Amino acid sequence: MNSKMAIDNGVYEISETLPKSDIDFIHTIKINPHATLITEIKFSSPSLGKIRTLSDPVSIANAMITGGAKALSVLTQPNLFNGSPDYFMQVRKAVKIPMLMKDIIVDKIQIDAAEKMGADYMLLIQSLFDQNYLNEIDEFISYGHKKRLNVLVEAHTKSEFENALKTDADLIGINNRNLDTLELDLETTKNILDGFDKTRPIISESGIESPEDIQFLKKSGADVFLVGSSLMKSDNIEENVKKLVNAI
């Protein structure tokens, strides 16, 4: 039976099962002497609207990898981000590095689809669980692990971060953007990590545009940097990834 992905108003058939990456991303983080980047393929966002004209996601992925990206995030959410499970699968078939299925996961059927698409990582947003829209984050993480998926739990506030640390998430992300107001502040990563002992690699997400941003976030305690919009707006993705990678 085909897995289905429920995204807003659509249900997406996943008609084939694709293999995952053989590369251990957490090991890559530990040994990489430069900035470890997860680069993101997205064509629109709620904060920016249209970011890039729809084009071949595989070409974009290859430019990012050539520039030095160590993992890829691909939006599968169509209505807010102009994403598609098809884009994810096209890229998965073409690349060997780890991939994150980026979606607003609210149903285990989406986790089933992520497994079939060959995702290595899935995203859970802590605030959705803290606000009681869902109250089974541990159950979702356990289910993801049973499907051989690593789990990234994303926080925006100190309380969300503390709750994320209580879970069995493989990676913890700090989103510098407030998803309610869409306001952006790189100081979010610094403020949240101040005084916390890290037990897992920390990803700083959103608003990263320059080598100076990477250096600031690294000094603040981040280990990995998720960069999407600034690269997707770029005329030379490969060169801009390279500049960010070489910031460290």
Protein backbone atom coordinates (compact mmCIF):
# COMPACT_ATOMS: atom_id res chain seq x y z
CA MET A 1 0.00 0.00 0.00
CA ASN A 2 1.26 3.49 -0.81
CA SER A 3 2.04 5.84 2.05
CA LYS A 4 0.20 9.14 1.99
CA MET A 5 1.26 12.54 3.20
CA ALA A 6 -1.46 14.82 4.51
CA ILE A 7 -0.43 18.42 3.96
CA ASP A 8 -3.14 21.04 4.53
CA ASN A 9 -5.75 20.35 1.88
CA GLY A 10 -3.87 17.67 -0.02
CA VAL A 11 -3.02 13.99 0.40
CA TYR A 12 0.06 12.93 -1.53
CA GLU A 13 0.66 9.41 -2.78
CA ILE A 14 4.23 8.19 -2.33
CA SER A 15 4.45 5.46 -4.93
CA GLU A 16 8.00 4.18 -4.34
CA THR A 17 10.42 3.58 -1.51
CA LEU A 18 13.79 5.30 -1.80
CA PRO A 19 17.00 4.48 0.11
CA LYS A 20 18.37 6.78 2.79
CA SER A 21 21.88 8.21 2.92
CA ASP A 22 24.69 6.02 4.26
CA ILE A 23 26.39 9.08 5.78
CA ASP A 24 26.18 9.67 9.54
CA PHE A 25 25.41 13.38 9.75
CA ILE A 26 26.14 13.70 13.48
CA HIS A 27 29.60 12.20 12.89
CA THR A 28 30.08 14.71 10.07
CA ILE A 29 29.25 17.54 12.48
CA LYS A 30 31.87 16.33 14.94
CA ILE A 31 34.72 16.03 12.45
CA ASN A 32 34.01 18.89 10.04
CA PRO A 33 36.68 21.60 10.46
CA HIS A 34 34.54 24.18 8.65
CA ALA A 35 30.98 25.45 9.16
CA THR A 36 28.52 22.57 8.85
CA LEU A 37 25.67 23.72 6.65
CA ILE A 38 22.23 22.27 6.04
CA THR A 39 21.10 24.14 2.96
CA GLU A 40 17.42 24.41 2.18
CA ILE A 41 15.54 24.18 -1.09
CA LYS A 42 12.38 26.28 -0.91
CA PHE A 43 10.80 28.51 -3.51
CA SER A 44 8.47 30.57 -1.27
CA SER A 45 7.92 31.33 2.41
CA PRO A 46 5.25 33.05 4.52
CA SER A 47 7.70 35.81 5.49
CA LEU A 48 9.17 36.55 2.06
CA GLY A 49 6.57 35.33 -0.41
CA LYS A 50 8.16 34.19 -3.67
CA ILE A 51 11.89 33.59 -3.19
CA ARG A 52 12.91 31.98 -6.45
CA THR A 53 11.21 31.02 -9.68
CA LEU A 54 10.36 27.33 -9.72
CA SER A 55 13.26 25.49 -11.30
CA ASP A 56 15.07 22.15 -11.22
CA PRO A 57 15.63 21.22 -7.55
CA VAL A 58 18.36 18.74 -8.49
CA SER A 59 20.51 21.45 -10.10
CA ILE A 60 20.07 23.59 -7.01
CA ALA A 61 20.98 20.66 -4.75
CA ASN A 62 24.10 19.89 -6.75
CA ALA A 63 25.24 23.52 -6.57
CA MET A 64 24.76 23.49 -2.81
CA ILE A 65 26.71 20.26 -2.40
CA THR A 66 29.53 21.44 -4.64
CA GLY A 67 29.71 24.56 -2.47
CA GLY A 68 30.20 22.39 0.61
CA ALA A 69 26.77 21.72 2.13
CA LYS A 70 26.80 18.58 4.29
CA ALA A 71 23.03 17.99 4.35
CA LEU A 72 19.96 19.21 2.49
CA SER A 73 16.55 20.31 3.69
CA VAL A 74 13.75 20.15 1.12
CA LEU A 75 10.33 21.70 1.69
CA THR A 76 7.47 19.35 0.92
CA GLN A 77 4.71 21.75 2.05
CA PRO A 78 2.97 23.17 -1.06
CA ASN A 79 0.69 25.94 0.18
CA LEU A 80 3.08 28.05 2.26
CA PHE A 81 6.42 27.14 0.71
CA ASN A 82 5.69 26.03 -2.86
CA GLY A 83 7.23 22.69 -1.91
CA SER A 84 6.45 19.19 -3.08
CA PRO A 85 7.20 15.58 -2.13
CA ASP A 86 8.18 15.18 -5.80
CA TYR A 87 10.98 17.73 -5.38
CA PHE A 88 12.26 15.82 -2.36
CA MET A 89 12.26 12.52 -4.24
CA GLN A 90 13.98 13.99 -7.29
CA VAL A 91 16.78 15.25 -5.07
CA ARG A 92 16.93 12.04 -3.01
CA LYS A 93 17.54 10.01 -6.17
CA ALA A 94 20.38 12.32 -7.21
CA VAL A 95 22.39 12.90 -4.01
CA LYS A 96 24.09 10.80 -1.35
CA ILE A 97 24.22 13.24 1.57
CA PRO A 98 21.63 13.23 4.40
CA MET A 99 18.29 14.90 3.78
CA LEU A 100 15.72 16.51 6.06
CA MET A 101 12.06 16.39 5.03
CA LYS A 102 10.89 19.88 6.02
CA ASP A 103 7.20 19.93 6.77
CA ILE A 104 4.82 20.85 9.57
CA ILE A 105 4.28 17.35 10.90
CA VAL A 106 1.00 16.89 12.73
CA ASP A 107 0.14 13.32 11.73
CA LYS A 108 2.09 10.06 11.75
CA ILE A 109 1.04 9.49 8.15
CA GLN A 110 3.54 12.22 7.25
CA ILE A 111 6.26 10.26 9.04
CA ASP A 112 5.33 7.17 7.01
CA ALA A 113 5.74 9.24 3.86
CA ALA A 114 9.11 10.60 5.02
CA GLU A 115 10.37 7.05 5.48
CA LYS A 116 9.25 6.05 2.00
CA MET A 117 10.81 9.15 0.41
CA GLY A 118 14.21 8.23 1.83
CA ALA A 119 14.40 11.02 4.39
CA ASP A 120 17.15 10.77 6.99
CA TYR A 121 15.67 13.44 9.26
CA MET A 122 12.19 14.70 10.09
CA LEU A 123 11.18 17.94 11.81
CA LEU A 124 8.96 18.41 14.85
CA ILE A 125 8.12 21.94 16.03
CA GLN A 126 8.13 22.08 19.83
CA SER A 127 5.65 24.95 20.07
CA LEU A 128 2.90 22.90 18.41
CA PHE A 129 3.15 20.38 21.22
CA ASP A 130 3.60 22.94 24.00
CA GLN A 131 0.47 24.79 22.86
CA ASN A 132 -1.51 21.54 23.15
CA TYR A 133 -2.41 21.31 19.50
CA LEU A 134 -0.61 18.00 19.90
CA ASN A 135 0.52 16.43 23.13
CA GLU A 136 2.41 13.38 22.00
CA ILE A 137 5.87 14.63 21.04
CA ASP A 138 7.59 11.66 22.69
CA GLU A 139 5.25 9.34 20.83
CA PHE A 140 6.01 11.06 17.51
CA ILE A 141 9.77 10.87 18.16
CA SER A 142 9.54 7.19 19.06
CA TYR A 143 7.49 6.51 15.94
CA GLY A 144 10.05 8.35 13.80
CA HIS A 145 12.87 6.29 15.30
CA LYS A 146 10.95 3.09 14.57
CA LYS A 147 10.79 4.25 10.95
CA ARG A 148 14.61 4.69 11.00
CA LEU A 149 14.31 8.47 10.92
CA ASN A 150 16.43 10.81 12.98
CA VAL A 151 14.43 13.60 14.60
CA LEU A 152 15.12 17.33 14.69
CA VAL A 153 13.06 19.17 17.31
CA GLU A 154 12.85 22.92 16.77
CA ALA A 155 12.46 25.53 19.52
CA HIS A 156 12.21 29.33 19.53
CA THR A 157 12.06 30.18 23.26
CA LYS A 158 14.02 29.06 26.31
CA SER A 159 11.06 27.11 27.65
CA GLU A 160 10.60 25.32 24.33
CA PHE A 161 14.32 24.59 24.25
CA GLU A 162 14.20 23.15 27.78
CA ASN A 163 11.29 20.94 26.79
CA ALA A 164 13.08 19.83 23.62
CA LEU A 165 16.10 18.81 25.70
CA LYS A 166 13.86 16.48 27.71
CA THR A 167 13.03 14.47 24.58
CA ASP A 168 15.00 11.82 22.72
CA ALA A 169 15.46 14.11 19.71
CA ASP A 170 18.70 13.50 17.81
CA LEU A 171 19.24 17.19 17.05
CA ILE A 172 17.85 20.35 18.59
CA GLY A 173 17.18 23.36 16.37
CA ILE A 174 16.76 26.99 17.40
CA ASN A 175 14.65 28.99 14.99
CA ASN A 176 15.69 32.63 15.01
CA ARG A 177 12.30 33.50 13.51
CA ASN A 178 9.19 33.83 15.63
CA LEU A 179 6.65 31.74 13.73
CA ASP A 180 3.74 33.73 15.16
CA THR A 181 4.98 37.22 14.25
CA LEU A 182 7.57 36.21 11.58
CA GLU A 183 10.05 38.58 13.28
CA LEU A 184 13.69 37.55 12.95
CA ASP A 185 16.53 37.99 15.43
CA LEU A 186 19.85 36.11 15.34
CA GLU A 187 20.30 36.97 19.03
CA THR A 188 17.66 34.29 19.70
CA THR A 189 20.29 31.55 19.39
CA LYS A 190 22.70 33.37 21.71
CA ASN A 191 20.04 34.13 24.32
CA ILE A 192 18.69 30.58 24.42
CA LEU A 193 22.09 28.88 24.63
CA ASP A 194 23.42 31.20 27.31
CA GLY A 195 23.80 29.10 30.46
CA PHE A 196 22.74 25.79 28.93
CA ASP A 197 24.90 22.70 28.75
CA LYS A 198 24.55 21.18 25.30
CA THR A 199 23.80 17.47 25.22
CA ARG A 200 23.29 17.24 21.47
CA PRO A 201 24.35 19.21 18.41
CA ILE A 202 22.50 22.51 18.11
CA ILE A 203 21.30 23.89 14.78
CA SER A 204 20.72 27.61 14.34
CA GLU A 205 17.99 28.23 11.77
CA SER A 206 16.72 31.25 9.82
CA GLY A 207 18.17 34.65 8.98
CA ILE A 208 21.71 33.52 8.14
CA GLU A 209 23.12 35.56 5.28
CA SER A 210 26.83 36.20 5.76
CA PRO A 211 30.07 34.65 7.04
CA GLU A 212 29.82 37.11 9.94
CA ASP A 213 26.44 35.62 10.88
CA ILE A 214 27.99 32.14 10.93
CA GLN A 215 30.85 33.33 13.13
CA PHE A 216 28.47 35.04 15.54
CA LEU A 217 26.24 31.97 15.85
CA LYS A 218 29.22 29.64 16.26
CA LYS A 219 30.53 31.83 19.08
CA SER A 220 27.03 31.72 20.59
CA GLY A 221 27.21 27.91 20.76
CA ALA A 222 25.61 26.68 17.54
CA ASP A 223 27.18 23.65 15.83
CA VAL A 224 25.21 23.58 12.58
CA PHE A 225 23.65 26.27 10.42
CA LEU A 226 20.47 25.85 8.38
CA VAL A 227 20.43 28.33 5.52
CA GLY A 228 17.66 28.65 2.98
CA SER A 229 16.26 31.97 1.78
CA SER A 230 19.53 33.88 1.35
CA LEU A 231 20.91 31.08 -0.82
CA MET A 232 17.72 30.58 -2.82
CA LYS A 233 17.71 34.32 -3.61
CA SER A 234 21.33 34.16 -4.74
CA ASP A 235 22.51 34.34 -8.35
CA ASN A 236 25.42 32.02 -7.52
CA ILE A 237 24.33 29.42 -4.99
CA GLU A 238 27.55 27.41 -5.09
CA GLU A 239 29.78 30.40 -4.43
CA ASN A 240 27.61 31.70 -1.61
CA VAL A 241 27.52 28.29 0.10
CA LYS A 242 31.30 28.16 -0.17
CA LYS A 243 31.65 31.57 1.53
CA LEU A 244 29.48 30.46 4.44
CA VAL A 245 31.26 27.10 4.80
CA ASN A 246 34.63 28.83 4.90
CA ALA A 247 33.50 31.28 7.57
CA ILE A 248 35.01 28.82 10.06
